[in-house]
Amino acid sequence: NQHVWKTLSGLKTERDYVWTRNERTPVDKPITDIVEIVFVGIDEANSLWGKTLVKKADRSYASPSDLTLVNHYRDLIAPGWQNGCILLVADKKEVSNARDDVTVPRHTPLELFGEEGFHFIEPFLPIETKQYTKEEVSNMYQYYYDKSTLLIQVCYRFDSENQILFQNR
């Protein structure tokens, strides 16, 4: 993205921008002064190399590379980044079958992304995350309650935490 960064540095602000009480960007400053680091996060990123439910005209399933949106996401996370960070979250449910009790669930990056996806995202740092504990759920619930982001403020804490724990399985 270095060529894009050079193009952006030629663009200047046309007016003063006030972000907070202490942060502002004056007129005629490069856009790159505003955006120093870019963070891109994609949940269920392994679906970019998984199976699709989109059908072609001949009733066969389209591959992910046939979909324009998938190609744009792949371009976004292509190697060669500077001044940025990409976080890709791989989800086991993308490659698992809910009705299959016999097969051992896949959990390594190679199994989750497939061979093509695995080679596309290299080099990477895999970070395994575990399910939330009851204490972590309680802390998250209290955080969202304090921030007033829960849809129903008058909800029973015990029932809400149990619902979060159930969905976290």
C-alpha atoms as a PDB file:
ATOM      1  CA  ASN A   1       0.000   0.000   0.000  1.00  0.00           C
ATOM      2  CA  GLN A   2       3.042   2.289  -0.192  1.00  0.00           C
ATOM      3  CA  HIS A   3       1.976   3.744  -3.565  1.00  0.00           C
ATOM      4  CA  VAL A   4      -1.419   4.596  -2.065  1.00  0.00           C
ATOM      5  CA  TRP A   5       0.293   6.203   0.937  1.00  0.00           C
ATOM      6  CA  LYS A   6       2.345   8.453  -1.371  1.00  0.00           C
ATOM      7  CA  THR A   7      -0.806   9.478  -3.252  1.00  0.00           C
ATOM      8  CA  LEU A   8      -2.610  10.256  -0.007  1.00  0.00           C
ATOM      9  CA  SER A   9       0.276  12.400   1.249  1.00  0.00           C
ATOM     10  CA  GLY A  10      -0.330  14.720  -1.716  1.00  0.00           C
ATOM     11  CA  LEU A  11      -3.905  15.383  -0.613  1.00  0.00           C
ATOM     12  CA  LYS A  12      -4.319  18.328   1.783  1.00  0.00           C
ATOM     13  CA  THR A  13      -7.088  19.231   4.201  1.00  0.00           C
ATOM     14  CA  GLU A  14      -9.340  22.067   3.057  1.00  0.00           C
ATOM     15  CA  ARG A  15     -10.448  23.244   6.494  1.00  0.00           C
ATOM     16  CA  ASP A  16      -9.691  22.839  10.193  1.00  0.00           C
ATOM     17  CA  TYR A  17     -10.848  19.563  11.725  1.00  0.00           C
ATOM     18  CA  VAL A  18     -11.479  19.395  15.461  1.00  0.00           C
ATOM     19  CA  TRP A  19     -11.490  15.791  16.702  1.00  0.00           C
ATOM     20  CA  THR A  20     -11.470  16.363  20.457  1.00  0.00           C
ATOM     21  CA  ARG A  21     -10.689  19.218  22.811  1.00  0.00           C
ATOM     22  CA  ASN A  22      -6.971  18.481  22.462  1.00  0.00           C
ATOM     23  CA  GLU A  23      -6.752  17.062  18.940  1.00  0.00           C
ATOM     24  CA  ARG A  24      -7.178  19.080  15.782  1.00  0.00           C
ATOM     25  CA  THR A  25      -5.885  19.098  12.224  1.00  0.00           C
ATOM     26  CA  PRO A  26      -5.274  22.531  10.699  1.00  0.00           C
ATOM     27  CA  VAL A  27      -5.829  23.547   7.081  1.00  0.00           C
ATOM     28  CA  ASP A  28      -3.286  22.436   4.396  1.00  0.00           C
ATOM     29  CA  LYS A  29      -1.991  19.394   6.306  1.00  0.00           C
ATOM     30  CA  PRO A  30      -1.512  16.080   4.443  1.00  0.00           C
ATOM     31  CA  ILE A  31      -4.248  13.493   4.903  1.00  0.00           C
ATOM     32  CA  THR A  32      -1.546  11.098   6.095  1.00  0.00           C
ATOM     33  CA  ASP A  33      -1.163  13.239   9.233  1.00  0.00           C
ATOM     34  CA  ILE A  34      -4.711  12.230  10.158  1.00  0.00           C
ATOM     35  CA  VAL A  35      -4.328   8.527   9.427  1.00  0.00           C
ATOM     36  CA  GLU A  36      -0.979   7.337  10.694  1.00  0.00           C
ATOM     37  CA  ILE A  37      -1.910   3.722  11.298  1.00  0.00           C
ATOM     38  CA  VAL A  38      -4.736   1.713   9.750  1.00  0.00           C
ATOM     39  CA  PHE A  39      -6.390  -1.245  11.476  1.00  0.00           C
ATOM     40  CA  VAL A  40      -8.469  -3.712   9.477  1.00  0.00           C
ATOM     41  CA  GLY A  41     -10.445  -6.396  11.294  1.00  0.00           C
ATOM     42  CA  ILE A  42     -12.448  -9.126   9.551  1.00  0.00           C
ATOM     43  CA  ASP A  43     -14.535 -11.631  11.486  1.00  0.00           C
ATOM     44  CA  GLU A  44     -14.983 -15.122  10.016  1.00  0.00           C
ATOM     45  CA  ALA A  45     -12.202 -14.368   7.525  1.00  0.00           C
ATOM     46  CA  ASN A  46     -11.799 -18.035   6.666  1.00  0.00           C
ATOM     47  CA  SER A  47     -15.104 -17.743   4.775  1.00  0.00           C
ATOM     48  CA  LEU A  48     -13.125 -15.866   2.093  1.00  0.00           C
ATOM     49  CA  TRP A  49     -11.774 -19.306   1.106  1.00  0.00           C
ATOM     50  CA  GLY A  50     -14.712 -21.484   2.201  1.00  0.00           C
ATOM     51  CA  LYS A  51     -17.807 -22.748   0.466  1.00  0.00           C
ATOM     52  CA  THR A  52     -20.556 -20.436  -0.760  1.00  0.00           C
ATOM     53  CA  LEU A  53     -24.299 -20.830  -1.122  1.00  0.00           C
ATOM     54  CA  VAL A  54     -24.341 -18.578  -4.199  1.00  0.00           C
ATOM     55  CA  LYS A  55     -25.390 -20.440  -7.328  1.00  0.00           C
ATOM     56  CA  LYS A  56     -24.350 -19.726 -10.896  1.00  0.00           C
ATOM     57  CA  ALA A  57     -26.736 -19.766 -13.862  1.00  0.00           C
ATOM     58  CA  ASP A  58     -25.985 -23.476 -14.405  1.00  0.00           C
ATOM     59  CA  ARG A  59     -27.094 -24.194 -10.788  1.00  0.00           C
ATOM     60  CA  SER A  60     -23.564 -25.054  -9.621  1.00  0.00           C
ATOM     61  CA  TYR A  61     -22.158 -23.346  -6.556  1.00  0.00           C
ATOM     62  CA  ALA A  62     -19.877 -20.373  -7.177  1.00  0.00           C
ATOM     63  CA  SER A  63     -16.414 -20.446  -5.676  1.00  0.00           C
ATOM     64  CA  PRO A  64     -15.478 -17.551  -3.376  1.00  0.00           C
ATOM     65  CA  SER A  65     -13.072 -16.178  -6.003  1.00  0.00           C
ATOM     66  CA  ASP A  66     -16.067 -15.713  -8.348  1.00  0.00           C
ATOM     67  CA  LEU A  67     -17.594 -13.153  -5.961  1.00  0.00           C
ATOM     68  CA  THR A  68     -16.559  -9.511  -6.354  1.00  0.00           C
ATOM     69  CA  LEU A  69     -16.890  -8.675  -2.662  1.00  0.00           C
ATOM     70  CA  VAL A  70     -14.612 -11.564  -1.696  1.00  0.00           C
ATOM     71  CA  ASN A  71     -12.002 -10.365  -4.195  1.00  0.00           C
ATOM     72  CA  HIS A  72     -12.125  -6.849  -2.728  1.00  0.00           C
ATOM     73  CA  TYR A  73     -11.634  -8.216   0.793  1.00  0.00           C
ATOM     74  CA  ARG A  74      -8.716 -10.334  -0.420  1.00  0.00           C
ATOM     75  CA  ASP A  75      -7.167  -7.256  -2.054  1.00  0.00           C
ATOM     76  CA  LEU A  76      -7.593  -5.381   1.221  1.00  0.00           C
ATOM     77  CA  ILE A  77      -5.698  -8.007   3.226  1.00  0.00           C
ATOM     78  CA  ALA A  78      -3.049  -8.735   0.587  1.00  0.00           C
ATOM     79  CA  PRO A  79       0.568  -8.814   1.835  1.00  0.00           C
ATOM     80  CA  GLY A  80       2.823  -5.773   1.645  1.00  0.00           C
ATOM     81  CA  TRP A  81       1.126  -3.539   4.194  1.00  0.00           C
ATOM     82  CA  GLN A  82       2.896  -0.602   5.795  1.00  0.00           C
ATOM     83  CA  ASN A  83       1.534   1.607   8.585  1.00  0.00           C
ATOM     84  CA  GLY A  84      -1.195  -0.882   9.304  1.00  0.00           C
ATOM     85  CA  CYS A  85      -2.376  -3.981  11.062  1.00  0.00           C
ATOM     86  CA  ILE A  86      -4.770  -6.680   9.926  1.00  0.00           C
ATOM     87  CA  LEU A  87      -6.708  -8.878  12.349  1.00  0.00           C
ATOM     88  CA  LEU A  88      -8.399 -11.907  10.806  1.00  0.00           C
ATOM     89  CA  VAL A  89     -10.709 -14.011  12.944  1.00  0.00           C
ATOM     90  CA  ALA A  90     -11.176 -17.613  11.829  1.00  0.00           C
ATOM     91  CA  ASP A  91     -14.356 -19.318  12.958  1.00  0.00           C
ATOM     92  CA  LYS A  92     -14.793 -23.073  13.335  1.00  0.00           C
ATOM     93  CA  LYS A  93     -18.462 -22.930  12.358  1.00  0.00           C
ATOM     94  CA  GLU A  94     -17.468 -21.960   8.804  1.00  0.00           C
ATOM     95  CA  VAL A  95     -15.887 -25.373   8.203  1.00  0.00           C
ATOM     96  CA  SER A  96     -17.953 -27.557  10.543  1.00  0.00           C
ATOM     97  CA  ASN A  97     -21.164 -29.424   9.960  1.00  0.00           C
ATOM     98  CA  ALA A  98     -23.642 -29.057  12.837  1.00  0.00           C
ATOM     99  CA  ARG A  99     -25.149 -32.490  12.114  1.00  0.00           C
ATOM    100  CA  ASP A 100     -21.812 -34.311  12.130  1.00  0.00           C
ATOM    101  CA  ASP A 101     -20.999 -35.689  15.592  1.00  0.00           C
ATOM    102  CA  VAL A 102     -18.279 -38.079  14.410  1.00  0.00           C
ATOM    103  CA  THR A 103     -15.729 -35.805  12.726  1.00  0.00           C
ATOM    104  CA  VAL A 104     -13.128 -34.158  14.919  1.00  0.00           C
ATOM    105  CA  PRO A 105     -13.584 -30.371  14.639  1.00  0.00           C
ATOM    106  CA  ARG A 106     -10.894 -28.477  12.777  1.00  0.00           C
ATOM    107  CA  HIS A 107      -8.982 -25.866  14.702  1.00  0.00           C
ATOM    108  CA  THR A 108      -5.574 -25.158  13.155  1.00  0.00           C
ATOM    109  CA  PRO A 109      -5.127 -22.205  10.759  1.00  0.00           C
ATOM    110  CA  LEU A 110      -4.353 -24.585   7.876  1.00  0.00           C
ATOM    111  CA  GLU A 111      -7.585 -26.505   8.477  1.00  0.00           C
ATOM    112  CA  LEU A 112      -9.689 -23.370   8.986  1.00  0.00           C
ATOM    113  CA  PHE A 113      -8.394 -21.347   6.019  1.00  0.00           C
ATOM    114  CA  GLY A 114      -7.619 -24.209   3.661  1.00  0.00           C
ATOM    115  CA  GLU A 115      -4.329 -24.482   1.811  1.00  0.00           C
ATOM    116  CA  GLU A 116      -4.948 -21.540  -0.545  1.00  0.00           C
ATOM    117  CA  GLY A 117      -6.093 -19.222   2.253  1.00  0.00           C
ATOM    118  CA  PHE A 118      -3.272 -20.333   4.538  1.00  0.00           C
ATOM    119  CA  HIS A 119      -0.619 -19.457   1.964  1.00  0.00           C
ATOM    120  CA  PHE A 120      -2.384 -16.163   1.186  1.00  0.00           C
ATOM    121  CA  ILE A 121      -2.266 -14.917   4.800  1.00  0.00           C
ATOM    122  CA  GLU A 122       1.344 -15.932   5.475  1.00  0.00           C
ATOM    123  CA  PRO A 123       3.248 -14.592   7.371  1.00  0.00           C
ATOM    124  CA  PHE A 124       0.914 -14.348  10.347  1.00  0.00           C
ATOM    125  CA  LEU A 125       0.880 -14.736  14.116  1.00  0.00           C
ATOM    126  CA  PRO A 126      -1.810 -17.189  15.242  1.00  0.00           C
ATOM    127  CA  ILE A 127      -3.475 -16.388  18.567  1.00  0.00           C
ATOM    128  CA  GLU A 128      -5.811 -19.001  20.026  1.00  0.00           C
ATOM    129  CA  THR A 129      -8.652 -17.707  22.165  1.00  0.00           C
ATOM    130  CA  LYS A 130     -10.642 -19.762  24.639  1.00  0.00           C
ATOM    131  CA  GLN A 131     -14.309 -19.542  25.600  1.00  0.00           C
ATOM    132  CA  TYR A 132     -15.257 -16.912  28.188  1.00  0.00           C
ATOM    133  CA  THR A 133     -15.312 -18.001  31.824  1.00  0.00           C
ATOM    134  CA  LYS A 134     -18.243 -17.065  34.067  1.00  0.00           C
ATOM    135  CA  GLU A 135     -16.123 -14.315  35.619  1.00  0.00           C
ATOM    136  CA  GLU A 136     -15.257 -12.860  32.194  1.00  0.00           C
ATOM    137  CA  VAL A 137     -18.927 -12.916  31.183  1.00  0.00           C
ATOM    138  CA  SER A 138     -19.817 -11.142  34.414  1.00  0.00           C
ATOM    139  CA  ASN A 139     -17.163  -8.479  33.772  1.00  0.00           C
ATOM    140  CA  MET A 140     -18.314  -7.971  30.176  1.00  0.00           C
ATOM    141  CA  TYR A 141     -21.933  -7.711  31.262  1.00  0.00           C
ATOM    142  CA  GLN A 142     -21.051  -5.152  33.940  1.00  0.00           C
ATOM    143  CA  TYR A 143     -18.972  -3.147  31.437  1.00  0.00           C
ATOM    144  CA  TYR A 144     -21.804  -2.960  28.895  1.00  0.00           C
ATOM    145  CA  TYR A 145     -24.308  -2.216  31.647  1.00  0.00           C
ATOM    146  CA  ASP A 146     -22.153   0.669  32.939  1.00  0.00           C
ATOM    147  CA  LYS A 147     -21.763   2.050  29.397  1.00  0.00           C
ATOM    148  CA  SER A 148     -25.561   1.859  28.919  1.00  0.00           C
ATOM    149  CA  THR A 149     -25.194  -0.171  25.731  1.00  0.00           C
ATOM    150  CA  LEU A 150     -27.573  -2.969  26.692  1.00  0.00           C
ATOM    151  CA  LEU A 151     -30.830  -2.804  24.784  1.00  0.00           C
ATOM    152  CA  ILE A 152     -32.932  -3.448  27.860  1.00  0.00           C
ATOM    153  CA  GLN A 153     -31.544  -1.645  30.892  1.00  0.00           C
ATOM    154  CA  VAL A 154     -34.003  -3.303  33.267  1.00  0.00           C
ATOM    155  CA  CYS A 155     -32.965  -6.889  32.674  1.00  0.00           C
ATOM    156  CA  TYR A 156     -32.256  -9.608  35.149  1.00  0.00           C
ATOM    157  CA  ARG A 157     -28.520  -9.930  35.494  1.00  0.00           C
ATOM    158  CA  PHE A 158     -28.519 -13.670  36.187  1.00  0.00           C
ATOM    159  CA  ASP A 159     -30.701 -14.484  33.158  1.00  0.00           C
ATOM    160  CA  SER A 160     -28.687 -12.211  30.873  1.00  0.00           C
ATOM    161  CA  GLU A 161     -25.351 -13.683  31.943  1.00  0.00           C
ATOM    162  CA  ASN A 162     -26.688 -17.218  31.459  1.00  0.00           C
ATOM    163  CA  GLN A 163     -27.842 -16.288  27.969  1.00  0.00           C
ATOM    164  CA  ILE A 164     -24.367 -14.939  27.135  1.00  0.00           C
ATOM    165  CA  LEU A 165     -22.755 -18.101  28.531  1.00  0.00           C
ATOM    166  CA  PHE A 166     -25.111 -20.264  26.468  1.00  0.00           C
ATOM    167  CA  GLN A 167     -24.296 -18.357  23.260  1.00  0.00           C
ATOM    168  CA  ASN A 168     -20.575 -18.599  24.035  1.00  0.00           C
ATOM    169  CA  ARG A 169     -20.487 -22.408  23.719  1.00  0.00           C
END
